[in-house]
Each structure stands twice: as structure tokens, then as C-alpha cells.
Amino acid sequence: MKTFKLFLTLSLTLFIMNSLSAQKIYNPNADAKRDITEAVAKAKKEGKHVLIQVGGNWCPWCIKMHRYLHNQEEINKLLNDNYVFLEVNYSKENKNKDVLMDLGYPQRFGFPVMLVLNAKGERIHTQNTGNLEKDKGYDFDRVKSFLYNWRPDTLNPANYK
């Protein structure tokens, strides 16, 4: 009986882990140019910036970043309050070369890579996410600082008079 319970527990754990790792976050068939245009329009309407995460379903660090941004409560609030978030695919199926060219070739930093666009659609920052890592994950203070320091309000000249 103990052996059966152990087998059942291990089987269930492996099934859950496989299901989570099979989650498709990036859509190789998405029209990234259109999605960015829509995100910029929404950001302008809401007084936010656009935060683009470029990566792929093949990239474990891309999946980790996605989960970190959405599952860490304080980080998620900072993200939702200040940014329209978008994930742009980079994979053998679709490298989005034209889009990444227009964004200044951010893939040179590896994946995932984050870009901040203002409400006019202008790229104002490219973030190498390797600088946000600590050990085998992402560092809370580094990620928070990145998101905090690129909020629309931090670039308002009136705040520095």
C-alpha cells in the first residue's frame, strides 16, 4: 500500500510538472507588429509605458521571468499599475526579425530581454535580464528597481524641479 501511494504521488507530481512546463507563453503565430501597436495605443490611453519581454517557449529563463512577474504580488502590482505588458516571440518558427530590428536588436543581450517603450512607441530602455538574476532565479530588489525606475512618472520633468 505504501508503495502504491508513493507511486501515485510521484506520478501526480510528474504530471503537474510536465503540465506546467508545457505551458505555452509565447505565440510564434502572433503578429508582433500589430500587438505592439495595440499595446502602445492602450498605454497612451492609460498613461503607462509598454513593457515587452522578448523570448520563447524554448527558454527556461523566459518562463521563469514570466512566472516571476505574474506570481510575485508586489512585482505584479508594480507591473500592472505602470505598464502594458506584452511578450514577443523569438523562436526557430518566428524570429520576428523586422520587429526586433525596429527595436534596436535587443536579442544581442540574450533571452529573455525586456524593452520599455513610452506611450509614443519609442524605445527608451533595453534591459539585459541577466542583470536581474540571483542564483537560480530572479532577485526581488533588482526586478523591483528596474520596474520602479522606468515607470512613466519617473520620467516626468516636473518631478525634478
C-alpha atoms as a PDB file:
ATOM      1  CA  MET A   1       0.000   0.000   0.000  1.00  0.00           C
ATOM      2  CA  LYS A   2       2.819   2.431   0.853  1.00  0.00           C
ATOM      3  CA  THR A   3       4.465   1.650  -2.469  1.00  0.00           C
ATOM      4  CA  PHE A   4       1.222   2.378  -4.326  1.00  0.00           C
ATOM      5  CA  LYS A   5       0.770   5.729  -2.518  1.00  0.00           C
ATOM      6  CA  LEU A   6       4.361   6.685  -3.266  1.00  0.00           C
ATOM      7  CA  PHE A   7       3.909   5.714  -6.933  1.00  0.00           C
ATOM      8  CA  LEU A   8       0.666   7.698  -7.138  1.00  0.00           C
ATOM      9  CA  THR A   9       2.238  10.765  -5.508  1.00  0.00           C
ATOM     10  CA  LEU A  10       5.274  10.652  -7.816  1.00  0.00           C
ATOM     11  CA  SER A  11       3.082  10.157 -10.884  1.00  0.00           C
ATOM     12  CA  LEU A  12       0.865  13.079  -9.954  1.00  0.00           C
ATOM     13  CA  THR A  13       3.896  15.300  -9.266  1.00  0.00           C
ATOM     14  CA  LEU A  14       5.459  14.433 -12.633  1.00  0.00           C
ATOM     15  CA  PHE A  15       2.146  15.070 -14.403  1.00  0.00           C
ATOM     16  CA  ILE A  16       1.780  18.516 -12.790  1.00  0.00           C
ATOM     17  CA  MET A  17       5.399  19.456 -13.505  1.00  0.00           C
ATOM     18  CA  ASN A  18       5.034  18.346 -17.133  1.00  0.00           C
ATOM     19  CA  SER A  19       1.803  20.329 -17.496  1.00  0.00           C
ATOM     20  CA  LEU A  20       3.438  23.459 -16.114  1.00  0.00           C
ATOM     21  CA  SER A  21       6.488  23.151 -18.305  1.00  0.00           C
ATOM     22  CA  ALA A  22       4.271  22.577 -21.356  1.00  0.00           C
ATOM     23  CA  GLN A  23       2.563  25.929 -20.815  1.00  0.00           C
ATOM     24  CA  LYS A  24       2.935  27.978 -23.977  1.00  0.00           C
ATOM     25  CA  ILE A  25       3.517  31.611 -23.102  1.00  0.00           C
ATOM     26  CA  TYR A  26       4.890  32.863 -26.412  1.00  0.00           C
ATOM     27  CA  ASN A  27       2.843  32.630 -29.591  1.00  0.00           C
ATOM     28  CA  PRO A  28       5.015  32.160 -32.686  1.00  0.00           C
ATOM     29  CA  ASN A  29       1.973  32.939 -34.871  1.00  0.00           C
ATOM     30  CA  ALA A  30       1.230  36.296 -33.240  1.00  0.00           C
ATOM     31  CA  ASP A  31       1.554  39.468 -35.284  1.00  0.00           C
ATOM     32  CA  ALA A  32       4.107  41.198 -33.048  1.00  0.00           C
ATOM     33  CA  LYS A  33       3.998  44.458 -35.004  1.00  0.00           C
ATOM     34  CA  ARG A  34       0.216  44.701 -34.601  1.00  0.00           C
ATOM     35  CA  ASP A  35       0.379  43.639 -30.937  1.00  0.00           C
ATOM     36  CA  ILE A  36       2.944  46.354 -30.182  1.00  0.00           C
ATOM     37  CA  THR A  37       0.845  48.978 -31.969  1.00  0.00           C
ATOM     38  CA  GLU A  38      -2.183  47.969 -29.891  1.00  0.00           C
ATOM     39  CA  ALA A  39      -0.143  47.950 -26.657  1.00  0.00           C
ATOM     40  CA  VAL A  40       1.203  51.451 -27.406  1.00  0.00           C
ATOM     41  CA  ALA A  41      -2.329  52.757 -28.041  1.00  0.00           C
ATOM     42  CA  LYS A  42      -3.527  51.239 -24.766  1.00  0.00           C
ATOM     43  CA  ALA A  43      -0.511  52.634 -22.879  1.00  0.00           C
ATOM     44  CA  LYS A  44      -1.167  56.105 -24.258  1.00  0.00           C
ATOM     45  CA  LYS A  45      -4.814  55.922 -23.200  1.00  0.00           C
ATOM     46  CA  GLU A  46      -3.910  54.667 -19.706  1.00  0.00           C
ATOM     47  CA  GLY A  47      -0.840  56.864 -19.095  1.00  0.00           C
ATOM     48  CA  LYS A  48       1.514  53.883 -18.942  1.00  0.00           C
ATOM     49  CA  HIS A  49       4.615  52.570 -20.648  1.00  0.00           C
ATOM     50  CA  VAL A  50       4.792  49.345 -22.635  1.00  0.00           C
ATOM     51  CA  LEU A  51       6.970  46.569 -21.250  1.00  0.00           C
ATOM     52  CA  ILE A  52       7.927  43.960 -23.825  1.00  0.00           C
ATOM     53  CA  GLN A  53       9.504  40.673 -22.847  1.00  0.00           C
ATOM     54  CA  VAL A  54      11.178  39.017 -25.826  1.00  0.00           C
ATOM     55  CA  GLY A  55      11.822  35.307 -25.540  1.00  0.00           C
ATOM     56  CA  GLY A  56      10.454  31.906 -26.389  1.00  0.00           C
ATOM     57  CA  ASN A  57       8.826  28.799 -25.012  1.00  0.00           C
ATOM     58  CA  TRP A  58      12.171  27.026 -25.503  1.00  0.00           C
ATOM     59  CA  CYS A  59      13.863  29.307 -22.933  1.00  0.00           C
ATOM     60  CA  PRO A  60      13.664  28.291 -19.240  1.00  0.00           C
ATOM     61  CA  TRP A  61      14.704  31.773 -18.052  1.00  0.00           C
ATOM     62  CA  CYS A  62      11.930  33.319 -20.179  1.00  0.00           C
ATOM     63  CA  ILE A  63       9.359  31.083 -18.493  1.00  0.00           C
ATOM     64  CA  LYS A  64      10.856  31.905 -15.070  1.00  0.00           C
ATOM     65  CA  MET A  65      10.606  35.638 -15.766  1.00  0.00           C
ATOM     66  CA  HIS A  66       7.005  35.330 -16.940  1.00  0.00           C
ATOM     67  CA  ARG A  67       6.050  33.455 -13.777  1.00  0.00           C
ATOM     68  CA  TYR A  68       8.028  35.819 -11.555  1.00  0.00           C
ATOM     69  CA  LEU A  69       6.354  38.930 -12.965  1.00  0.00           C
ATOM     70  CA  HIS A  70       2.896  37.440 -12.605  1.00  0.00           C
ATOM     71  CA  ASN A  71       3.205  35.444  -9.384  1.00  0.00           C
ATOM     72  CA  GLN A  72       5.186  37.778  -7.128  1.00  0.00           C
ATOM     73  CA  GLU A  73       2.427  40.032  -5.724  1.00  0.00           C
ATOM     74  CA  GLU A  74       4.353  43.292  -5.260  1.00  0.00           C
ATOM     75  CA  ILE A  75       6.140  42.945  -8.603  1.00  0.00           C
ATOM     76  CA  ASN A  76       2.854  42.145 -10.372  1.00  0.00           C
ATOM     77  CA  LYS A  77       1.179  45.223  -8.893  1.00  0.00           C
ATOM     78  CA  LEU A  78       4.071  47.457  -9.995  1.00  0.00           C
ATOM     79  CA  LEU A  79       3.853  45.912 -13.454  1.00  0.00           C
ATOM     80  CA  ASN A  80       0.076  46.302 -13.804  1.00  0.00           C
ATOM     81  CA  ASP A  81      -0.022  49.832 -12.383  1.00  0.00           C
ATOM     82  CA  ASN A  82       2.640  51.206 -14.739  1.00  0.00           C
ATOM     83  CA  TYR A  83       2.926  49.081 -17.853  1.00  0.00           C
ATOM     84  CA  VAL A  84       1.025  47.416 -20.635  1.00  0.00           C
ATOM     85  CA  PHE A  85       2.822  44.077 -20.746  1.00  0.00           C
ATOM     86  CA  LEU A  86       3.466  42.125 -23.923  1.00  0.00           C
ATOM     87  CA  GLU A  87       5.500  39.037 -24.745  1.00  0.00           C
ATOM     88  CA  VAL A  88       7.088  38.854 -28.196  1.00  0.00           C
ATOM     89  CA  ASN A  89       8.166  35.502 -29.551  1.00  0.00           C
ATOM     90  CA  TYR A  90      11.670  34.641 -30.711  1.00  0.00           C
ATOM     91  CA  SER A  91      11.997  31.048 -31.895  1.00  0.00           C
ATOM     92  CA  LYS A  92      13.003  28.997 -34.910  1.00  0.00           C
ATOM     93  CA  GLU A  93       9.356  29.226 -36.048  1.00  0.00           C
ATOM     94  CA  ASN A  94       9.317  33.017 -35.906  1.00  0.00           C
ATOM     95  CA  LYS A  95      12.281  35.191 -35.004  1.00  0.00           C
ATOM     96  CA  ASN A  96      10.359  38.457 -35.548  1.00  0.00           C
ATOM     97  CA  LYS A  97      13.479  39.863 -37.211  1.00  0.00           C
ATOM     98  CA  ASP A  98      11.784  43.007 -38.585  1.00  0.00           C
ATOM     99  CA  VAL A  99      10.227  43.861 -35.228  1.00  0.00           C
ATOM    100  CA  LEU A 100      13.485  43.298 -33.348  1.00  0.00           C
ATOM    101  CA  MET A 101      15.375  45.373 -35.905  1.00  0.00           C
ATOM    102  CA  ASP A 102      12.930  48.241 -35.260  1.00  0.00           C
ATOM    103  CA  LEU A 103      13.563  47.808 -31.521  1.00  0.00           C
ATOM    104  CA  GLY A 104      17.345  48.080 -31.816  1.00  0.00           C
ATOM    105  CA  TYR A 105      18.287  44.377 -31.945  1.00  0.00           C
ATOM    106  CA  PRO A 106      17.614  43.549 -28.284  1.00  0.00           C
ATOM    107  CA  GLN A 107      18.408  39.866 -28.895  1.00  0.00           C
ATOM    108  CA  ARG A 108      22.074  40.805 -28.584  1.00  0.00           C
ATOM    109  CA  PHE A 109      21.560  40.586 -24.800  1.00  0.00           C
ATOM    110  CA  GLY A 110      20.202  37.038 -24.899  1.00  0.00           C
ATOM    111  CA  PHE A 111      16.813  35.916 -23.655  1.00  0.00           C
ATOM    112  CA  PRO A 112      14.646  36.983 -22.112  1.00  0.00           C
ATOM    113  CA  VAL A 113      15.271  40.627 -22.810  1.00  0.00           C
ATOM    114  CA  MET A 114      12.966  43.444 -21.680  1.00  0.00           C
ATOM    115  CA  LEU A 115      12.182  46.646 -23.551  1.00  0.00           C
ATOM    116  CA  VAL A 116      10.423  49.720 -22.267  1.00  0.00           C
ATOM    117  CA  LEU A 117       8.529  51.826 -24.779  1.00  0.00           C
ATOM    118  CA  ASN A 118       6.949  55.160 -23.946  1.00  0.00           C
ATOM    119  CA  ALA A 119       3.355  55.978 -24.886  1.00  0.00           C
ATOM    120  CA  LYS A 120       4.588  57.207 -28.280  1.00  0.00           C
ATOM    121  CA  GLY A 121       6.055  53.784 -29.027  1.00  0.00           C
ATOM    122  CA  GLU A 122       9.652  54.965 -28.698  1.00  0.00           C
ATOM    123  CA  ARG A 123      12.108  52.531 -27.148  1.00  0.00           C
ATOM    124  CA  ILE A 124      13.502  54.227 -24.051  1.00  0.00           C
ATOM    125  CA  HIS A 125      15.293  51.298 -22.412  1.00  0.00           C
ATOM    126  CA  THR A 126      16.545  47.788 -23.127  1.00  0.00           C
ATOM    127  CA  GLN A 127      17.145  45.620 -20.060  1.00  0.00           C
ATOM    128  CA  ASN A 128      19.513  42.666 -20.049  1.00  0.00           C
ATOM    129  CA  THR A 129      17.701  40.327 -17.646  1.00  0.00           C
ATOM    130  CA  GLY A 130      20.958  38.641 -16.710  1.00  0.00           C
ATOM    131  CA  ASN A 131      21.450  41.717 -14.524  1.00  0.00           C
ATOM    132  CA  LEU A 132      18.231  40.868 -12.670  1.00  0.00           C
ATOM    133  CA  GLU A 133      19.258  37.318 -11.766  1.00  0.00           C
ATOM    134  CA  LYS A 134      20.451  35.933  -8.484  1.00  0.00           C
ATOM    135  CA  ASP A 135      21.487  32.324  -8.068  1.00  0.00           C
ATOM    136  CA  LYS A 136      18.941  30.221  -9.970  1.00  0.00           C
ATOM    137  CA  GLY A 137      16.170  32.814 -10.124  1.00  0.00           C
ATOM    138  CA  TYR A 138      15.390  36.493 -10.252  1.00  0.00           C
ATOM    139  CA  ASP A 139      16.304  38.945  -7.497  1.00  0.00           C
ATOM    140  CA  PHE A 140      13.316  40.771  -5.979  1.00  0.00           C
ATOM    141  CA  ASP A 141      15.164  44.054  -5.353  1.00  0.00           C
ATOM    142  CA  ARG A 142      16.726  44.161  -8.824  1.00  0.00           C
ATOM    143  CA  VAL A 143      13.453  43.419 -10.640  1.00  0.00           C
ATOM    144  CA  LYS A 144      11.557  45.875  -8.460  1.00  0.00           C
ATOM    145  CA  SER A 145      14.180  48.570  -9.043  1.00  0.00           C
ATOM    146  CA  PHE A 146      14.061  48.043 -12.815  1.00  0.00           C
ATOM    147  CA  LEU A 147      10.260  48.297 -12.938  1.00  0.00           C
ATOM    148  CA  TYR A 148      10.169  51.191 -10.480  1.00  0.00           C
ATOM    149  CA  ASN A 149      12.838  53.269 -12.223  1.00  0.00           C
ATOM    150  CA  TRP A 150      11.235  53.025 -15.677  1.00  0.00           C
ATOM    151  CA  ARG A 151       7.671  53.948 -14.651  1.00  0.00           C
ATOM    152  CA  PRO A 152       6.167  56.836 -16.676  1.00  0.00           C
ATOM    153  CA  ASP A 153       6.145  59.090 -13.619  1.00  0.00           C
ATOM    154  CA  THR A 154       9.906  58.788 -13.105  1.00  0.00           C
ATOM    155  CA  LEU A 155      10.489  60.441 -16.483  1.00  0.00           C
ATOM    156  CA  ASN A 156       8.231  63.404 -15.752  1.00  0.00           C
ATOM    157  CA  PRO A 157      10.420  66.577 -15.679  1.00  0.00           C
ATOM    158  CA  ALA A 158       8.012  68.196 -13.204  1.00  0.00           C
ATOM    159  CA  ASN A 159       9.224  65.720 -10.566  1.00  0.00           C
ATOM    160  CA  TYR A 160      12.731  67.169 -10.759  1.00  0.00           C
ATOM    161  CA  LYS A 161      12.143  70.907 -10.321  1.00  0.00           C
END
